Structures are given as C-alpha cells and as structure tokens.
C-alpha atoms as a PDB file:
ATOM      1  CA  MET A   1      -4.135  55.082 -24.457  1.00  0.00           C
ATOM      2  CA  SER A   2      -7.474  53.588 -23.444  1.00  0.00           C
ATOM      3  CA  LEU A   3      -8.067  49.861 -23.228  1.00  0.00           C
ATOM      4  CA  LEU A   4     -10.695  50.038 -25.982  1.00  0.00           C
ATOM      5  CA  VAL A   5      -8.217  51.665 -28.389  1.00  0.00           C
ATOM      6  CA  VAL A   6      -5.610  49.008 -27.599  1.00  0.00           C
ATOM      7  CA  VAL A   7      -8.112  46.207 -28.257  1.00  0.00           C
ATOM      8  CA  VAL A   8      -9.212  47.767 -31.568  1.00  0.00           C
ATOM      9  CA  LEU A   9      -5.612  48.242 -32.740  1.00  0.00           C
ATOM     10  CA  LEU A  10      -4.792  44.675 -31.740  1.00  0.00           C
ATOM     11  CA  GLY A  11      -7.747  43.417 -33.767  1.00  0.00           C
ATOM     12  CA  ILE A  12      -6.711  45.400 -36.846  1.00  0.00           C
ATOM     13  CA  TRP A  13      -3.148  44.134 -36.505  1.00  0.00           C
ATOM     14  CA  CYS A  14      -4.369  40.531 -36.312  1.00  0.00           C
ATOM     15  CA  VAL A  15      -6.549  40.919 -39.400  1.00  0.00           C
ATOM     16  CA  LYS A  16      -3.666  42.361 -41.378  1.00  0.00           C
ATOM     17  CA  LEU A  17      -1.354  39.516 -40.408  1.00  0.00           C
ATOM     18  CA  ASN A  18      -4.120  36.947 -40.942  1.00  0.00           C
ATOM     19  CA  SER A  19      -2.448  34.899 -38.233  1.00  0.00           C
ATOM     20  CA  GLN A  20      -4.196  32.323 -36.070  1.00  0.00           C
ATOM     21  CA  SER A  21      -1.745  33.087 -33.252  1.00  0.00           C
ATOM     22  CA  CYS A  22      -3.586  36.354 -32.644  1.00  0.00           C
ATOM     23  CA  ASP A  23      -6.831  34.612 -31.735  1.00  0.00           C
ATOM     24  CA  TYR A  24      -7.980  34.721 -28.139  1.00  0.00           C
ATOM     25  CA  GLU A  25     -10.863  32.616 -26.923  1.00  0.00           C
ATOM     26  CA  LEU A  26     -12.517  32.034 -23.552  1.00  0.00           C
ATOM     27  CA  VAL A  27     -12.001  28.669 -21.890  1.00  0.00           C
ATOM     28  CA  GLN A  28     -13.841  27.159 -18.955  1.00  0.00           C
ATOM     29  CA  ALA A  29     -12.026  26.228 -15.759  1.00  0.00           C
ATOM     30  CA  ASP A  30     -13.120  24.713 -12.452  1.00  0.00           C
ATOM     31  CA  ASN A  31     -12.414  27.240  -9.725  1.00  0.00           C
ATOM     32  CA  ARG A  32     -10.994  26.475  -6.250  1.00  0.00           C
ATOM     33  CA  ASN A  33     -10.401  29.042  -3.487  1.00  0.00           C
ATOM     34  CA  ILE A  34      -7.912  27.798  -0.898  1.00  0.00           C
ATOM     35  CA  ILE A  35      -6.193  29.218   2.211  1.00  0.00           C
ATOM     36  CA  PHE A  36      -2.878  27.971   3.600  1.00  0.00           C
ATOM     37  CA  VAL A  37      -2.287  28.773   7.287  1.00  0.00           C
ATOM     38  CA  GLY A  38       0.226  27.751   9.925  1.00  0.00           C
ATOM     39  CA  ARG A  39       2.878  29.160  12.190  1.00  0.00           C
ATOM     40  CA  SER A  40       5.938  30.916  10.822  1.00  0.00           C
ATOM     41  CA  ARG A  41       8.418  28.773   8.853  1.00  0.00           C
ATOM     42  CA  ALA A  42       5.946  25.897   8.501  1.00  0.00           C
ATOM     43  CA  GLY A  43       6.465  25.686   4.731  1.00  0.00           C
ATOM     44  CA  LYS A  44       3.256  27.318   3.457  1.00  0.00           C
ATOM     45  CA  SER A  45       4.873  29.269   0.620  1.00  0.00           C
ATOM     46  CA  THR A  46       7.003  26.282  -0.386  1.00  0.00           C
ATOM     47  CA  ALA A  47       3.915  24.052  -0.561  1.00  0.00           C
ATOM     48  CA  ILE A  48       2.142  26.556  -2.820  1.00  0.00           C
ATOM     49  CA  ASN A  49       5.165  26.780  -5.109  1.00  0.00           C
ATOM     50  CA  VAL A  50       5.267  22.979  -5.366  1.00  0.00           C
ATOM     51  CA  LEU A  51       1.627  22.981  -6.443  1.00  0.00           C
ATOM     52  CA  LYS A  52       2.552  25.457  -9.178  1.00  0.00           C
ATOM     53  CA  ASP A  53       5.736  23.621 -10.191  1.00  0.00           C
ATOM     54  CA  LYS A  54       6.174  19.944  -9.344  1.00  0.00           C
ATOM     55  CA  ASP A  55       9.975  20.282  -9.525  1.00  0.00           C
ATOM     56  CA  PHE A  56      10.206  23.471  -7.466  1.00  0.00           C
ATOM     57  CA  ASP A  57      13.465  23.704  -5.498  1.00  0.00           C
ATOM     58  CA  PRO A  58      13.153  25.903  -2.371  1.00  0.00           C
ATOM     59  CA  GLY A  59      16.924  26.290  -2.187  1.00  0.00           C
ATOM     60  CA  LEU A  60      18.716  27.003   1.055  1.00  0.00           C
ATOM     61  CA  PHE A  61      16.719  27.709   4.190  1.00  0.00           C
ATOM     62  CA  ASP A  62      16.145  31.404   4.990  1.00  0.00           C
ATOM     63  CA  ILE A  63      16.404  32.474   8.621  1.00  0.00           C
ATOM     64  CA  LEU A  64      13.927  35.306   8.183  1.00  0.00           C
ATOM     65  CA  ARG A  65      10.347  34.468   7.334  1.00  0.00           C
ATOM     66  CA  GLY A  66       9.453  34.994   3.694  1.00  0.00           C
ATOM     67  CA  THR A  67       5.773  35.991   3.817  1.00  0.00           C
ATOM     68  CA  ARG A  68       4.966  39.194   5.711  1.00  0.00           C
ATOM     69  CA  ASP A  69       1.476  39.976   4.402  1.00  0.00           C
ATOM     70  CA  ALA A  70      -1.414  37.856   3.201  1.00  0.00           C
ATOM     71  CA  THR A  71      -1.204  37.412  -0.569  1.00  0.00           C
ATOM     72  CA  VAL A  72      -3.277  35.623  -3.190  1.00  0.00           C
ATOM     73  CA  GLN A  73      -1.622  33.577  -5.905  1.00  0.00           C
ATOM     74  CA  SER A  74      -3.910  32.838  -8.845  1.00  0.00           C
ATOM     75  CA  PHE A  75      -2.985  30.388 -11.577  1.00  0.00           C
ATOM     76  CA  THR A  76      -4.697  28.095 -14.064  1.00  0.00           C
ATOM     77  CA  MET A  77      -3.508  24.592 -14.867  1.00  0.00           C
ATOM     78  CA  LYS A  78      -4.602  22.040 -17.427  1.00  0.00           C
ATOM     79  CA  SER A  79      -5.253  18.470 -16.330  1.00  0.00           C
ATOM     80  CA  LYS A  80      -4.971  15.793 -18.981  1.00  0.00           C
ATOM     81  CA  ALA A  81      -6.485  13.215 -16.624  1.00  0.00           C
ATOM     82  CA  ALA A  82      -9.486  15.380 -15.702  1.00  0.00           C
ATOM     83  CA  GLY A  83      -9.769  16.706 -19.233  1.00  0.00           C
ATOM     84  CA  ASN A  84     -10.334  20.307 -18.143  1.00  0.00           C
ATOM     85  CA  ASN A  85      -8.675  23.473 -16.876  1.00  0.00           C
ATOM     86  CA  LEU A  86      -8.331  24.154 -13.153  1.00  0.00           C
ATOM     87  CA  HIS A  87      -8.117  27.703 -11.789  1.00  0.00           C
ATOM     88  CA  PHE A  88      -6.742  28.194  -8.285  1.00  0.00           C
ATOM     89  CA  ASN A  89      -6.879  31.184  -5.951  1.00  0.00           C
ATOM     90  CA  ILE A  90      -4.561  30.289  -3.061  1.00  0.00           C
ATOM     91  CA  MET A  91      -4.182  32.633  -0.091  1.00  0.00           C
ATOM     92  CA  ASP A  92      -0.736  32.526   1.513  1.00  0.00           C
ATOM     93  CA  THR A  93      -0.660  33.890   5.073  1.00  0.00           C
ATOM     94  CA  PRO A  94       2.237  35.325   7.083  1.00  0.00           C
ATOM     95  CA  GLY A  95       3.472  33.615  10.285  1.00  0.00           C
ATOM     96  CA  LEU A  96      -0.091  33.021  11.421  1.00  0.00           C
ATOM     97  CA  PHE A  97      -0.352  32.197  15.144  1.00  0.00           C
ATOM     98  CA  GLU A  98       3.386  32.717  15.441  1.00  0.00           C
ATOM     99  CA  ARG A  99       2.944  33.752  19.075  1.00  0.00           C
ATOM    100  CA  ALA A 100      -0.565  32.506  19.670  1.00  0.00           C
ATOM    101  CA  GLU A 101      -0.272  32.135  23.439  1.00  0.00           C
ATOM    102  CA  LYS A 102       1.042  35.684  23.916  1.00  0.00           C
ATOM    103  CA  ASP A 103      -0.395  37.714  21.094  1.00  0.00           C
ATOM    104  CA  ASP A 104      -4.003  36.866  20.307  1.00  0.00           C
ATOM    105  CA  ARG A 105      -4.554  40.426  19.133  1.00  0.00           C
ATOM    106  CA  ARG A 106      -1.951  40.089  16.380  1.00  0.00           C
ATOM    107  CA  THR A 107      -3.432  36.765  15.326  1.00  0.00           C
ATOM    108  CA  ASN A 108      -6.925  38.230  15.063  1.00  0.00           C
ATOM    109  CA  GLU A 109      -5.592  41.111  12.986  1.00  0.00           C
ATOM    110  CA  VAL A 110      -3.862  38.696  10.611  1.00  0.00           C
ATOM    111  CA  ILE A 111      -7.071  36.692  10.199  1.00  0.00           C
ATOM    112  CA  LEU A 112      -9.092  39.860   9.592  1.00  0.00           C
ATOM    113  CA  ASP A 113      -6.537  40.955   7.003  1.00  0.00           C
ATOM    114  CA  VAL A 114      -6.934  37.591   5.255  1.00  0.00           C
ATOM    115  CA  ILE A 115     -10.741  37.926   5.273  1.00  0.00           C
ATOM    116  CA  LYS A 116     -10.525  41.524   4.021  1.00  0.00           C
ATOM    117  CA  LYS A 117      -8.266  40.517   1.142  1.00  0.00           C
ATOM    118  CA  CYS A 118     -10.636  37.657   0.262  1.00  0.00           C
ATOM    119  CA  ILE A 119     -13.572  40.080   0.152  1.00  0.00           C
ATOM    120  CA  ASP A 120     -11.624  42.736  -1.759  1.00  0.00           C
ATOM    121  CA  MET A 121     -10.792  40.148  -4.410  1.00  0.00           C
ATOM    122  CA  GLU A 122     -14.360  38.776  -4.289  1.00  0.00           C
ATOM    123  CA  ILE A 123     -13.084  35.426  -3.016  1.00  0.00           C
ATOM    124  CA  THR A 124     -15.705  35.047  -0.291  1.00  0.00           C
ATOM    125  CA  LYS A 125     -16.513  31.377  -0.805  1.00  0.00           C
ATOM    126  CA  LEU A 126     -13.708  29.117   0.372  1.00  0.00           C
ATOM    127  CA  HIS A 127     -13.397  25.535  -0.797  1.00  0.00           C
ATOM    128  CA  HIS A 128     -10.834  24.445   1.789  1.00  0.00           C
ATOM    129  CA  VAL A 129      -8.289  25.551   4.401  1.00  0.00           C
ATOM    130  CA  TYR A 130      -5.010  23.701   4.896  1.00  0.00           C
ATOM    131  CA  PHE A 131      -3.135  23.948   8.191  1.00  0.00           C
ATOM    132  CA  VAL A 132       0.561  23.430   7.384  1.00  0.00           C
ATOM    133  CA  MET A 133       2.949  21.773   9.861  1.00  0.00           C
ATOM    134  CA  SER A 134       6.606  20.964   9.301  1.00  0.00           C
ATOM    135  CA  ALA A 135       7.435  17.252   9.260  1.00  0.00           C
ATOM    136  CA  LEU A 136      11.115  18.157   9.062  1.00  0.00           C
ATOM    137  CA  ARG A 137      11.299  19.993  12.398  1.00  0.00           C
ATOM    138  CA  GLY A 138       8.888  17.830  14.324  1.00  0.00           C
ATOM    139  CA  LEU A 139       5.948  18.840  16.468  1.00  0.00           C
ATOM    140  CA  ALA A 140       6.239  22.082  18.414  1.00  0.00           C
ATOM    141  CA  GLU A 141       4.026  23.305  21.236  1.00  0.00           C
ATOM    142  CA  GLU A 142       3.274  26.378  19.133  1.00  0.00           C
ATOM    143  CA  ASP A 143       1.721  24.122  16.470  1.00  0.00           C
ATOM    144  CA  LEU A 144      -0.796  22.737  18.961  1.00  0.00           C
ATOM    145  CA  LYS A 145      -1.682  26.124  20.424  1.00  0.00           C
ATOM    146  CA  ALA A 146      -1.843  27.586  16.935  1.00  0.00           C
ATOM    147  CA  PHE A 147      -4.260  24.920  15.751  1.00  0.00           C
ATOM    148  CA  ASP A 148      -6.491  25.330  18.818  1.00  0.00           C
ATOM    149  CA  LEU A 149      -6.762  29.064  18.247  1.00  0.00           C
ATOM    150  CA  PHE A 150      -7.158  28.493  14.518  1.00  0.00           C
ATOM    151  CA  SER A 151     -10.104  26.095  15.089  1.00  0.00           C
ATOM    152  CA  GLU A 152     -11.792  28.643  17.364  1.00  0.00           C
ATOM    153  CA  LEU A 153     -11.437  31.449  14.856  1.00  0.00           C
ATOM    154  CA  PHE A 154     -12.690  29.236  12.013  1.00  0.00           C
ATOM    155  CA  LEU A 155     -15.532  27.751  14.043  1.00  0.00           C
ATOM    156  CA  GLY A 156     -18.078  26.090  11.778  1.00  0.00           C
ATOM    157  CA  MET A 157     -15.500  25.217   9.100  1.00  0.00           C
ATOM    158  CA  GLU A 158     -14.278  21.962  10.670  1.00  0.00           C
ATOM    159  CA  GLN A 159     -15.251  19.912   7.605  1.00  0.00           C
ATOM    160  CA  LYS A 160     -13.274  22.290   5.395  1.00  0.00           C
ATOM    161  CA  ILE A 161      -9.969  21.951   7.288  1.00  0.00           C
ATOM    162  CA  SER A 162      -7.108  19.533   6.619  1.00  0.00           C
ATOM    163  CA  VAL A 163      -3.485  19.210   7.743  1.00  0.00           C
ATOM    164  CA  ILE A 164      -0.456  19.191   5.440  1.00  0.00           C
ATOM    165  CA  LEU A 165       2.840  17.817   6.762  1.00  0.00           C
ATOM    166  CA  SER A 166       5.343  19.849   4.761  1.00  0.00           C
ATOM    167  CA  PHE A 167       9.006  19.154   3.932  1.00  0.00           C
ATOM    168  CA  ALA A 168       7.966  15.506   3.596  1.00  0.00           C
ATOM    169  CA  GLN A 169       9.934  14.750   0.426  1.00  0.00           C
ATOM    170  CA  GLU A 170      11.781  11.858   2.095  1.00  0.00           C
ATOM    171  CA  ILE A 171       8.659  10.354   3.687  1.00  0.00           C
ATOM    172  CA  THR A 172       7.342   7.618   1.417  1.00  0.00           C
ATOM    173  CA  GLU A 173       3.873   6.154   1.277  1.00  0.00           C
ATOM    174  CA  GLU A 174       5.039   3.105   3.246  1.00  0.00           C
ATOM    175  CA  ASP A 175       5.855   5.398   6.196  1.00  0.00           C
ATOM    176  CA  TYR A 176       2.615   7.401   6.218  1.00  0.00           C
ATOM    177  CA  ASP A 177       0.947   5.115   8.758  1.00  0.00           C
ATOM    178  CA  HIS A 178       3.772   5.719  11.223  1.00  0.00           C
ATOM    179  CA  TYR A 179       3.092   9.466  11.249  1.00  0.00           C
ATOM    180  CA  ILE A 180      -0.684   9.170  11.099  1.00  0.00           C
ATOM    181  CA  ASP A 181      -0.604   6.756  14.040  1.00  0.00           C
ATOM    182  CA  GLN A 182       1.048   9.474  16.126  1.00  0.00           C
ATOM    183  CA  PHE A 183      -1.915  11.722  15.398  1.00  0.00           C
ATOM    184  CA  LYS A 184      -4.450   8.977  15.873  1.00  0.00           C
ATOM    185  CA  ASN A 185      -3.121   7.070  18.901  1.00  0.00           C
ATOM    186  CA  LYS A 186       0.268   8.080  20.274  1.00  0.00           C
ATOM    187  CA  VAL A 187       0.015  11.790  21.169  1.00  0.00           C
ATOM    188  CA  PRO A 188      -3.150  12.930  23.016  1.00  0.00           C
ATOM    189  CA  GLU A 189      -2.788  16.542  21.822  1.00  0.00           C
ATOM    190  CA  LEU A 190      -2.504  15.395  18.215  1.00  0.00           C
ATOM    191  CA  ARG A 191      -5.464  13.065  18.675  1.00  0.00           C
ATOM    192  CA  ARG A 192      -7.736  16.059  19.331  1.00  0.00           C
ATOM    193  CA  MET A 193      -6.462  17.644  16.145  1.00  0.00           C
ATOM    194  CA  TYR A 194      -6.913  14.395  14.228  1.00  0.00           C
ATOM    195  CA  GLU A 195     -10.530  14.084  15.371  1.00  0.00           C
ATOM    196  CA  LYS A 196     -11.340  17.702  14.512  1.00  0.00           C
ATOM    197  CA  ILE A 197     -10.097  17.307  10.943  1.00  0.00           C
ATOM    198  CA  ASP A 198     -11.648  13.843  10.645  1.00  0.00           C
ATOM    199  CA  GLY A 199      -8.270  12.278   9.832  1.00  0.00           C
ATOM    200  CA  ARG A 200      -7.490  14.402   6.763  1.00  0.00           C
ATOM    201  CA  ILE A 201      -3.672  14.472   6.702  1.00  0.00           C
ATOM    202  CA  PHE A 202      -1.585  15.020   3.575  1.00  0.00           C
ATOM    203  CA  PHE A 203       2.149  14.866   2.917  1.00  0.00           C
ATOM    204  CA  LEU A 204       3.934  17.289   0.616  1.00  0.00           C
ATOM    205  CA  GLY A 205       7.653  17.818   0.124  1.00  0.00           C
ATOM    206  CA  ALA A 206       9.789  19.711  -2.348  1.00  0.00           C
ATOM    207  CA  ALA A 207      12.436  18.466  -4.753  1.00  0.00           C
ATOM    208  CA  LYS A 208      15.305  20.220  -2.992  1.00  0.00           C
ATOM    209  CA  LYS A 209      18.641  19.418  -4.581  1.00  0.00           C
ATOM    210  CA  SER A 210      20.875  17.394  -2.344  1.00  0.00           C
ATOM    211  CA  LYS A 211      24.179  15.600  -2.776  1.00  0.00           C
ATOM    212  CA  MET A 212      23.022  12.982  -0.269  1.00  0.00           C
ATOM    213  CA  ALA A 213      19.693  12.084  -1.905  1.00  0.00           C
ATOM    214  CA  ASN A 214      18.661  10.185  -5.028  1.00  0.00           C
ATOM    215  CA  MET A 215      17.057  13.122  -6.866  1.00  0.00           C
ATOM    216  CA  SER A 216      15.161  10.922  -9.305  1.00  0.00           C
ATOM    217  CA  MET A 217      13.425   9.026  -6.493  1.00  0.00           C
ATOM    218  CA  LEU A 218      12.932  12.229  -4.507  1.00  0.00           C
ATOM    219  CA  ARG A 219      11.166  13.942  -7.410  1.00  0.00           C
ATOM    220  CA  GLU A 220       9.008  10.891  -8.057  1.00  0.00           C
ATOM    221  CA  ASN A 221       7.896  10.872  -4.411  1.00  0.00           C
ATOM    222  CA  VAL A 222       7.077  14.607  -4.453  1.00  0.00           C
ATOM    223  CA  HIS A 223       5.117  14.173  -7.683  1.00  0.00           C
ATOM    224  CA  LYS A 224       2.982  11.457  -6.055  1.00  0.00           C
ATOM    225  CA  GLN A 225       2.357  13.577  -2.949  1.00  0.00           C
ATOM    226  CA  ARG A 226       1.434  16.555  -5.095  1.00  0.00           C
ATOM    227  CA  ALA A 227      -0.994  14.486  -7.187  1.00  0.00           C
ATOM    228  CA  VAL A 228      -2.798  13.227  -4.062  1.00  0.00           C
ATOM    229  CA  LEU A 229      -3.172  16.755  -2.672  1.00  0.00           C
ATOM    230  CA  PHE A 230      -4.360  18.090  -6.029  1.00  0.00           C
ATOM    231  CA  GLU A 231      -6.987  15.358  -6.193  1.00  0.00           C
ATOM    232  CA  HIS A 232      -8.290  16.366  -2.768  1.00  0.00           C
ATOM    233  CA  ILE A 233      -8.448  20.040  -3.766  1.00  0.00           C
ATOM    234  CA  ILE A 234     -10.340  19.187  -6.941  1.00  0.00           C
ATOM    235  CA  GLN A 235     -12.883  17.145  -4.977  1.00  0.00           C
ATOM    236  CA  GLN A 236     -13.771  20.182  -2.826  1.00  0.00           C
ATOM    237  CA  LYS A 237     -16.973  21.419  -4.459  1.00  0.00           C
ATOM    238  CA  GLN A 238     -18.793  22.786  -1.435  1.00  0.00           C
ATOM    239  CA  THR A 239     -17.850  26.215  -0.139  1.00  0.00           C
ATOM    240  CA  TYR A 240     -17.927  28.172   3.108  1.00  0.00           C
ATOM    241  CA  ASN A 241     -18.627  31.904   3.107  1.00  0.00           C
ATOM    242  CA  VAL A 242     -15.915  33.787   5.033  1.00  0.00           C
ATOM    243  CA  LYS A 243     -18.526  36.385   5.996  1.00  0.00           C
ATOM    244  CA  GLN A 244     -20.092  33.772   8.261  1.00  0.00           C
ATOM    245  CA  LEU A 245     -16.984  33.448  10.447  1.00  0.00           C
ATOM    246  CA  LYS A 246     -17.616  34.516  14.045  1.00  0.00           C
ATOM    247  CA  LEU A 247     -14.586  36.808  14.034  1.00  0.00           C
ATOM    248  CA  TYR A 248     -15.951  38.602  10.992  1.00  0.00           C
ATOM    249  CA  GLN A 249     -19.463  38.820  12.423  1.00  0.00           C
ATOM    250  CA  ASP A 250     -18.130  40.263  15.711  1.00  0.00           C
ATOM    251  CA  ASN A 251     -16.264  43.004  13.875  1.00  0.00           C
ATOM    252  CA  LEU A 252     -19.249  43.606  11.639  1.00  0.00           C
ATOM    253  CA  SER A 253     -21.353  44.194  14.763  1.00  0.00           C
ATOM    254  CA  LEU A 254     -18.853  46.839  15.859  1.00  0.00           C
ATOM    255  CA  ILE A 255     -19.131  48.556  12.491  1.00  0.00           C
ATOM    256  CA  GLN A 256     -22.911  48.505  12.738  1.00  0.00           C
ATOM    257  CA  LYS A 257     -22.741  50.125  16.196  1.00  0.00           C
ATOM    258  CA  VAL A 258     -20.506  52.854  14.772  1.00  0.00           C
ATOM    259  CA  ARG A 259     -23.032  53.320  11.997  1.00  0.00           C
ATOM    260  CA  GLU A 260     -25.867  53.700  14.525  1.00  0.00           C
ATOM    261  CA  THR A 261     -23.878  56.300  16.469  1.00  0.00           C
ATOM    262  CA  LEU A 262     -23.119  58.163  13.251  1.00  0.00           C
ATOM    263  CA  ALA A 263     -26.814  58.092  12.350  1.00  0.00           C
ATOM    264  CA  GLU A 264     -27.722  59.567  15.751  1.00  0.00           C
ATOM    265  CA  CYS A 265     -25.211  62.377  15.236  1.00  0.00           C
ATOM    266  CA  CYS A 266     -26.641  62.924  11.781  1.00  0.00           C
ATOM    267  CA  GLU A 267     -30.139  63.224  13.202  1.00  0.00           C
ATOM    268  CA  SER A 268     -29.134  65.624  15.975  1.00  0.00           C
ATOM    269  CA  THR A 269     -26.956  67.908  13.848  1.00  0.00           C
ATOM    270  CA  LYS A 270     -29.024  67.617  10.672  1.00  0.00           C
ATOM    271  CA  LYS A 271     -25.753  67.183   8.790  1.00  0.00           C
ATOM    272  CA  CYS A 272     -25.688  63.808   7.056  1.00  0.00           C
ATOM    273  CA  ILE A 273     -22.875  64.321   4.580  1.00  0.00           C
ATOM    274  CA  ASP A 274     -20.699  61.558   6.061  1.00  0.00           C
ATOM    275  CA  LEU A 275     -23.406  58.917   6.464  1.00  0.00           C
ATOM    276  CA  PRO A 276     -23.832  58.050   2.756  1.00  0.00           C
ATOM    277  CA  LYS A 277     -20.048  57.894   2.423  1.00  0.00           C
ATOM    278  CA  PHE A 278     -19.845  55.522   5.374  1.00  0.00           C
ATOM    279  CA  ASP A 279     -22.626  53.317   3.964  1.00  0.00           C
ATOM    280  CA  ALA A 280     -20.880  53.174   0.602  1.00  0.00           C
ATOM    281  CA  PHE A 281     -17.603  52.227   2.290  1.00  0.00           C
ATOM    282  CA  ILE A 282     -18.979  49.338   4.373  1.00  0.00           C
ATOM    283  CA  SER A 283     -21.411  47.994   1.778  1.00  0.00           C
ATOM    284  CA  HIS A 284     -18.665  45.871   0.215  1.00  0.00           C
ATOM    285  CA  TYR A 285     -18.039  44.115   3.528  1.00  0.00           C
ATOM    286  CA  THR A 286     -21.652  43.669   4.634  1.00  0.00           C
ATOM    287  CA  PRO A 287     -23.195  40.254   3.828  1.00  0.00           C
ATOM    288  CA  GLU A 288     -26.195  40.349   1.568  1.00  0.00           C
ATOM    289  CA  GLU A 289     -29.434  38.869   2.897  1.00  0.00           C
ATOM    290  CA  GLU A 290     -29.103  35.690   0.897  1.00  0.00           C
ATOM    291  CA  GLU A 291     -25.510  35.243   2.084  1.00  0.00           C
ATOM    292  CA  GLU A 292     -26.520  35.555   5.735  1.00  0.00           C
ATOM    293  CA  GLU A 293     -28.669  32.451   5.381  1.00  0.00           C
ATOM    294  CA  LEU A 294     -25.859  30.462   3.781  1.00  0.00           C
ATOM    295  CA  ASP A 295     -23.377  28.453   5.808  1.00  0.00           C
ATOM    296  CA  VAL A 296     -22.026  25.752   3.520  1.00  0.00           C
ATOM    297  CA  SER A 297     -23.157  25.782  -0.091  1.00  0.00           C
ATOM    298  CA  ASP A 298     -22.695  23.506  -3.054  1.00  0.00           C
ATOM    299  CA  ASP A 299     -20.564  25.427  -5.509  1.00  0.00           C
ATOM    300  CA  ASP A 300     -21.352  23.310  -8.564  1.00  0.00           C
ATOM    301  CA  ASP A 301     -23.126  26.220 -10.212  1.00  0.00           C
ATOM    302  CA  ASP A 302     -20.210  28.554  -9.551  1.00  0.00           C
ATOM    303  CA  ASP A 303     -17.329  26.196 -10.377  1.00  0.00           C
ATOM    304  CA  ASP A 304     -16.895  27.286 -13.964  1.00  0.00           C
ATOM    305  CA  ASP A 305     -14.681  30.317 -14.179  1.00  0.00           C
ATOM    306  CA  GLU A 306     -13.892  31.868 -17.522  1.00  0.00           C
ATOM    307  CA  GLU A 307     -10.296  32.701 -18.133  1.00  0.00           C
END
C-alpha cells in the first residue's frame, strides 16, 4: 500500500471519529548536530543515553565494547525553561583511536566512516564535538595519544571541541576544581589538551544503582551535570562543515584523480558509459562551490527544524 493511500485513509478515519487525537501538526525545534568521540570504553554511549534519559542506569559493566559502527541517534526534547523544542542528531562512534599509536589506518577509516554517515544523513554542519574520557578509570596514555591524533584529524575545529569526563556521578561541583587543576597546571600532557580546547571541560555521570551510594543524591548530581552540558550544547549556534576537514579533502582529491583517469580512458576508447555513473555517485560527497568557501558559519538561519 502506498504512503499516499495510507495518509488518505488515515484522514478519512480521523474525520469519521471526529477526534482531536488524530490531529498532527508541525512544530519548530532548534537543531543541534553533535559527535561523541573517544577511545574504547570511555563512556560515549552511556553519556548519550544519559542525555536522553536523566535517570538512565548503565547497569553492570560489559567487558566487550558496545558500539562497533558509527551510528546516529536522533531525538527531540521539550525544554520548559527555554520554552521550545530541541532536536538532537548525536553521532556515536566505535572505539575511536583505540590503538592510535599502532593503527592510524584504522583510525582514519573510522573517521571517514563517520564523515560518510554524516553526509549520507545530510548532517554536514556540526555544532560541536565532545571528546569523552573516563574519570572512573583515570588518565591513560592512550587518551593523550588519541586526543593528539584526534586534533590533527579535526584540524580547524579547535573551537568546536570540548572534553567530557564520564562516569563522574560521584564527583560533585565542589571537586571540579581539583580535576580541572590537573588539566590546567599539574600534568603537562593534559595542559596541552586544556589549552587546545580553551578550558572547556564538562562532567557527566550516570545514575547507576548501588547499594553503597545515596541514590537520591547521586541522581541529583547527575541531573545537575546533565543540565550544564545541555546548556552548552544549546549555546552552540555556529557550525563547521565536515567537508572542510583535511582528511575528507585529501580523500576527495584521490577521487578527483580517479575521475580524471576515467575521463582519459573515456576519451581514448570513446566509451563513456561509466563516467556519468561515476559523476552521479560522487556528486553527493563533493562540496558545492558555496560550501567550499565556508569554514565556520552561523547556523541561526538553519536552526529551526520541523518535526
């Protein structure tokens, strides 16, 4: 049955019932496109679930990593304080930079897969990227190497990058300075990270049930952390086009060289059947002229997304 027939039948059914519950109307929502990255088991998926549900309980720790492929979670929430609807497209990435020092090729492929999925879903303008580190397990050398490689791959997006210390449900606001001071003054490697992100560090835990913890206080702390992070996400109105990333541009250059070679073969053989097909295939991934001139844009005109 076609979609049009379904819509028509639904309309007739609503008229017959004369019920207001059958009415559907468009609502406006501010749109935010976000990417969560970090090494494996950093708590990226848990952080996203906490944003969706303030009382989310991650349960017992899984030995195997949960996210194997880049995925996009889209959801719309209503804010009583802001007085509007907020629509989020959040990209969750698998074990990014899991073996950064040994496997740059895998890392690049993961990043390219993320970019491809963004383009396929027409999410080319990113509002922010959050690098997730586990506060529960402490700093690991892989975190530092991961962030260094991450900053190189996302060169030009420094103002759109922040750090989230995950599993921070038992870290209260009074203790934030202790952890931030380690970034700012105590650990030289963290200081470089702190300076690159201009001091943007957020804390986010999860209300994991525990016999040893006061669950009421734990939930209250997570709710506060979640509210602060949400406020930062909402404030991100400028965007960065993923098609401007150096990694993307380098691979685009390779595609263009392949296209030139294909065109030469077409000219010499006088058989150009494959060339139009190739052009049609890559057109979706090729930046338009106006996009090539855009690095960071104000997304005020594009914020409203109809749901």
